[in-house]
Amino acid sequence: MVNIRFLIRVFSLAHRVLYRASGGFIGGFGAKVLLLTTVGRKSGKSRTIPLLYLANDSSWAIVASNGGDVRHPAWWLNLKANPVATIHLRRVLQRVRAREASASEQSDLWPRFVKMHSGYQTYQQRTKRKIPVVILEPETDAGIASLAER
């Protein structure tokens, strides 16, 4: 049997490399993808993962699905421990603060995520936990930096 966690790690690594090398133009595979960097709650090390997102007014929304696993993804646990993170959108880095979507926000955003990627509905059916929608709000306008400026 194939170890799904191993495959996710390999795919995630390839995705990050393609995304960064192309300035976000390759790696989205036709979808809106950002790179989320959190600080590991146990290790203290930076951890980066590609995630589908929806633009939501002046913020971004992501889904903590973990493929329908019974456990939350590590990045969501990291954000719960330290909600400040960085997102990489194409060639722009943005400091953000994460929070779980309110019930109202979740009911508005969830159907949009399912429309974007029908797998989310399958993931929710696969697990008993309520899959959180996470809102990433800009930390400050000063947090925006073009990678070309770095």
C-alpha atoms as a PDB file:
ATOM      1  CA  MET A   1       0.000   0.000   0.000  1.00  0.00           C
ATOM      2  CA  VAL A   2       1.233   3.485  -0.854  1.00  0.00           C
ATOM      3  CA  ASN A   3       1.918   5.769   2.104  1.00  0.00           C
ATOM      4  CA  ILE A   4      -0.394   8.742   1.452  1.00  0.00           C
ATOM      5  CA  ARG A   5       1.546  11.047   3.799  1.00  0.00           C
ATOM      6  CA  PHE A   6       4.739  10.364   1.839  1.00  0.00           C
ATOM      7  CA  LEU A   7       2.978  11.149  -1.454  1.00  0.00           C
ATOM      8  CA  ILE A   8       1.566  14.376  -0.014  1.00  0.00           C
ATOM      9  CA  ARG A   9       5.061  15.448   1.101  1.00  0.00           C
ATOM     10  CA  VAL A  10       6.577  14.692  -2.306  1.00  0.00           C
ATOM     11  CA  PHE A  11       3.771  16.470  -4.172  1.00  0.00           C
ATOM     12  CA  SER A  12       3.970  19.438  -1.797  1.00  0.00           C
ATOM     13  CA  LEU A  13       7.734  19.764  -2.287  1.00  0.00           C
ATOM     14  CA  ALA A  14       7.433  19.625  -6.090  1.00  0.00           C
ATOM     15  CA  HIS A  15       4.592  22.125  -5.957  1.00  0.00           C
ATOM     16  CA  ARG A  16       6.578  24.595  -3.828  1.00  0.00           C
ATOM     17  CA  VAL A  17       9.633  24.341  -6.077  1.00  0.00           C
ATOM     18  CA  LEU A  18       7.603  24.931  -9.261  1.00  0.00           C
ATOM     19  CA  TYR A  19       5.636  27.774  -7.677  1.00  0.00           C
ATOM     20  CA  ARG A  20       8.699  29.625  -6.403  1.00  0.00           C
ATOM     21  CA  ALA A  21      10.762  29.076  -9.563  1.00  0.00           C
ATOM     22  CA  SER A  22       8.001  30.456 -11.782  1.00  0.00           C
ATOM     23  CA  GLY A  23       6.837  33.281  -9.531  1.00  0.00           C
ATOM     24  CA  GLY A  24       3.553  31.481  -8.986  1.00  0.00           C
ATOM     25  CA  PHE A  25       2.731  31.017 -12.645  1.00  0.00           C
ATOM     26  CA  ILE A  26       3.432  27.271 -12.585  1.00  0.00           C
ATOM     27  CA  GLY A  27       2.185  25.207  -9.717  1.00  0.00           C
ATOM     28  CA  GLY A  28      -1.390  26.330  -9.552  1.00  0.00           C
ATOM     29  CA  PHE A  29      -2.469  23.639 -11.999  1.00  0.00           C
ATOM     30  CA  GLY A  30      -5.373  25.813 -13.113  1.00  0.00           C
ATOM     31  CA  ALA A  31      -6.434  26.778  -9.579  1.00  0.00           C
ATOM     32  CA  LYS A  32      -5.669  29.664  -7.261  1.00  0.00           C
ATOM     33  CA  VAL A  33      -2.761  28.536  -5.096  1.00  0.00           C
ATOM     34  CA  LEU A  34      -0.765  30.312  -2.419  1.00  0.00           C
ATOM     35  CA  LEU A  35       2.170  29.167  -0.358  1.00  0.00           C
ATOM     36  CA  LEU A  36       1.512  29.379   3.378  1.00  0.00           C
ATOM     37  CA  THR A  37       4.495  29.549   5.725  1.00  0.00           C
ATOM     38  CA  THR A  38       3.885  28.911   9.407  1.00  0.00           C
ATOM     39  CA  VAL A  39       6.177  28.396  12.381  1.00  0.00           C
ATOM     40  CA  GLY A  40       6.181  24.824  13.678  1.00  0.00           C
ATOM     41  CA  ARG A  41       4.607  24.757  17.119  1.00  0.00           C
ATOM     42  CA  LYS A  42       7.028  22.052  18.294  1.00  0.00           C
ATOM     43  CA  SER A  43      10.115  22.607  16.134  1.00  0.00           C
ATOM     44  CA  GLY A  44      10.043  26.390  15.807  1.00  0.00           C
ATOM     45  CA  LYS A  45      11.066  25.915  12.154  1.00  0.00           C
ATOM     46  CA  SER A  46       9.382  27.519   9.160  1.00  0.00           C
ATOM     47  CA  ARG A  47       7.015  25.180   7.339  1.00  0.00           C
ATOM     48  CA  THR A  48       5.611  25.957   3.878  1.00  0.00           C
ATOM     49  CA  ILE A  49       2.698  24.277   2.132  1.00  0.00           C
ATOM     50  CA  PRO A  50       0.803  25.042  -1.094  1.00  0.00           C
ATOM     51  CA  LEU A  51      -2.932  25.513  -0.589  1.00  0.00           C
ATOM     52  CA  LEU A  52      -5.934  26.404  -2.718  1.00  0.00           C
ATOM     53  CA  TYR A  53      -7.419  29.736  -1.712  1.00  0.00           C
ATOM     54  CA  LEU A  54     -10.283  32.101  -2.355  1.00  0.00           C
ATOM     55  CA  ALA A  55      -9.898  35.856  -2.271  1.00  0.00           C
ATOM     56  CA  ASN A  56     -12.384  37.155   0.286  1.00  0.00           C
ATOM     57  CA  ASP A  57     -12.687  40.957   0.308  1.00  0.00           C
ATOM     58  CA  SER A  58      -9.301  42.109   1.693  1.00  0.00           C
ATOM     59  CA  SER A  59      -8.388  38.666   3.020  1.00  0.00           C
ATOM     60  CA  TRP A  60      -7.843  35.119   1.782  1.00  0.00           C
ATOM     61  CA  ALA A  61      -9.631  31.930   2.784  1.00  0.00           C
ATOM     62  CA  ILE A  62      -8.127  28.433   2.893  1.00  0.00           C
ATOM     63  CA  VAL A  63      -9.431  25.023   3.977  1.00  0.00           C
ATOM     64  CA  ALA A  64      -7.868  22.838   6.693  1.00  0.00           C
ATOM     65  CA  SER A  65      -9.041  19.597   5.077  1.00  0.00           C
ATOM     66  CA  ASN A  66      -5.953  17.385   5.433  1.00  0.00           C
ATOM     67  CA  GLY A  67      -7.500  15.207   2.719  1.00  0.00           C
ATOM     68  CA  GLY A  68     -10.335  14.208   5.040  1.00  0.00           C
ATOM     69  CA  ASP A  69      -7.992  12.751   7.660  1.00  0.00           C
ATOM     70  CA  VAL A  70      -9.335  12.486  11.217  1.00  0.00           C
ATOM     71  CA  ARG A  71      -6.568  14.890  12.309  1.00  0.00           C
ATOM     72  CA  HIS A  72      -6.256  18.557  11.500  1.00  0.00           C
ATOM     73  CA  PRO A  73      -3.336  19.444   9.223  1.00  0.00           C
ATOM     74  CA  ALA A  74      -0.142  20.409  11.042  1.00  0.00           C
ATOM     75  CA  TRP A  75      -0.212  23.889   9.494  1.00  0.00           C
ATOM     76  CA  TRP A  76      -3.602  24.591  11.109  1.00  0.00           C
ATOM     77  CA  LEU A  77      -2.329  23.433  14.509  1.00  0.00           C
ATOM     78  CA  ASN A  78       0.712  25.687  13.964  1.00  0.00           C
ATOM     79  CA  LEU A  79      -1.574  28.640  13.209  1.00  0.00           C
ATOM     80  CA  LYS A  80      -3.679  27.947  16.293  1.00  0.00           C
ATOM     81  CA  ALA A  81      -0.480  28.104  18.381  1.00  0.00           C
ATOM     82  CA  ASN A  82       0.841  31.183  16.525  1.00  0.00           C
ATOM     83  CA  PRO A  83      -1.628  32.853  14.130  1.00  0.00           C
ATOM     84  CA  VAL A  84       0.974  35.054  12.411  1.00  0.00           C
ATOM     85  CA  ALA A  85       2.176  33.597   9.111  1.00  0.00           C
ATOM     86  CA  THR A  86       3.345  34.576   5.650  1.00  0.00           C
ATOM     87  CA  ILE A  87       1.662  33.912   2.344  1.00  0.00           C
ATOM     88  CA  HIS A  88       3.352  33.925  -1.028  1.00  0.00           C
ATOM     89  CA  LEU A  89       1.005  34.969  -3.829  1.00  0.00           C
ATOM     90  CA  ARG A  90       2.737  34.900  -7.186  1.00  0.00           C
ATOM     91  CA  ARG A  91       5.629  37.328  -6.597  1.00  0.00           C
ATOM     92  CA  VAL A  92       4.257  38.985  -3.465  1.00  0.00           C
ATOM     93  CA  LEU A  93       4.867  38.072   0.164  1.00  0.00           C
ATOM     94  CA  GLN A  94       2.287  39.141   2.758  1.00  0.00           C
ATOM     95  CA  ARG A  95       2.298  38.768   6.530  1.00  0.00           C
ATOM     96  CA  VAL A  96      -1.096  37.566   7.688  1.00  0.00           C
ATOM     97  CA  ARG A  97      -2.952  36.714  10.864  1.00  0.00           C
ATOM     98  CA  ALA A  98      -5.082  33.575  10.761  1.00  0.00           C
ATOM     99  CA  ARG A  99      -8.410  32.909  12.412  1.00  0.00           C
ATOM    100  CA  GLU A 100     -11.122  30.330  12.007  1.00  0.00           C
ATOM    101  CA  ALA A 101     -14.042  31.521   9.899  1.00  0.00           C
ATOM    102  CA  SER A 102     -17.241  32.336  11.760  1.00  0.00           C
ATOM    103  CA  ALA A 103     -20.243  30.086  11.153  1.00  0.00           C
ATOM    104  CA  SER A 104     -21.632  32.690   8.759  1.00  0.00           C
ATOM    105  CA  GLU A 105     -18.364  32.997   6.847  1.00  0.00           C
ATOM    106  CA  GLN A 106     -18.019  29.201   6.723  1.00  0.00           C
ATOM    107  CA  SER A 107     -21.526  28.767   5.294  1.00  0.00           C
ATOM    108  CA  ASP A 108     -20.769  31.388   2.627  1.00  0.00           C
ATOM    109  CA  LEU A 109     -17.280  30.132   1.711  1.00  0.00           C
ATOM    110  CA  TRP A 110     -17.703  26.349   1.902  1.00  0.00           C
ATOM    111  CA  PRO A 111     -19.915  26.037  -1.239  1.00  0.00           C
ATOM    112  CA  ARG A 112     -17.433  28.214  -3.133  1.00  0.00           C
ATOM    113  CA  PHE A 113     -14.576  25.920  -2.134  1.00  0.00           C
ATOM    114  CA  VAL A 114     -16.566  22.822  -3.142  1.00  0.00           C
ATOM    115  CA  LYS A 115     -17.331  24.441  -6.499  1.00  0.00           C
ATOM    116  CA  MET A 116     -13.611  25.154  -6.977  1.00  0.00           C
ATOM    117  CA  HIS A 117     -12.547  21.635  -5.882  1.00  0.00           C
ATOM    118  CA  SER A 118     -15.230  18.969  -5.448  1.00  0.00           C
ATOM    119  CA  GLY A 119     -12.776  16.898  -3.405  1.00  0.00           C
ATOM    120  CA  TYR A 120     -13.516  19.070  -0.377  1.00  0.00           C
ATOM    121  CA  GLN A 121     -17.011  17.587  -0.169  1.00  0.00           C
ATOM    122  CA  THR A 122     -15.520  14.087  -0.308  1.00  0.00           C
ATOM    123  CA  TYR A 123     -13.025  15.029   2.412  1.00  0.00           C
ATOM    124  CA  GLN A 124     -15.837  16.254   4.686  1.00  0.00           C
ATOM    125  CA  GLN A 125     -17.737  13.003   4.139  1.00  0.00           C
ATOM    126  CA  ARG A 126     -14.580  11.022   4.944  1.00  0.00           C
ATOM    127  CA  THR A 127     -14.123  12.512   8.428  1.00  0.00           C
ATOM    128  CA  LYS A 128     -16.272  13.197  11.477  1.00  0.00           C
ATOM    129  CA  ARG A 129     -14.452  16.422  12.319  1.00  0.00           C
ATOM    130  CA  LYS A 130     -15.806  19.684  10.968  1.00  0.00           C
ATOM    131  CA  ILE A 131     -13.267  20.864   8.407  1.00  0.00           C
ATOM    132  CA  PRO A 132     -12.368  24.463   9.253  1.00  0.00           C
ATOM    133  CA  VAL A 133     -12.248  27.309   6.802  1.00  0.00           C
ATOM    134  CA  VAL A 134      -9.413  29.621   7.803  1.00  0.00           C
ATOM    135  CA  ILE A 135      -9.345  33.354   7.133  1.00  0.00           C
ATOM    136  CA  LEU A 136      -5.958  34.983   6.517  1.00  0.00           C
ATOM    137  CA  GLU A 137      -6.098  38.721   7.133  1.00  0.00           C
ATOM    138  CA  PRO A 138      -3.275  41.115   6.217  1.00  0.00           C
ATOM    139  CA  GLU A 139      -1.160  41.872   9.273  1.00  0.00           C
ATOM    140  CA  THR A 140      -0.354  45.398   8.002  1.00  0.00           C
ATOM    141  CA  ASP A 141      -0.044  47.145   4.636  1.00  0.00           C
ATOM    142  CA  ALA A 142       3.664  47.417   5.386  1.00  0.00           C
ATOM    143  CA  GLY A 143       3.825  43.611   5.286  1.00  0.00           C
ATOM    144  CA  ILE A 144       3.450  43.555   1.497  1.00  0.00           C
ATOM    145  CA  ALA A 145       6.733  43.044  -0.335  1.00  0.00           C
ATOM    146  CA  SER A 146       7.485  42.197  -3.901  1.00  0.00           C
ATOM    147  CA  LEU A 147      10.006  39.413  -4.262  1.00  0.00           C
ATOM    148  CA  ALA A 148      11.734  41.557  -6.857  1.00  0.00           C
ATOM    149  CA  GLU A 149      12.483  44.079  -4.056  1.00  0.00           C
ATOM    150  CA  ARG A 150      14.183  41.432  -1.886  1.00  0.00           C
END
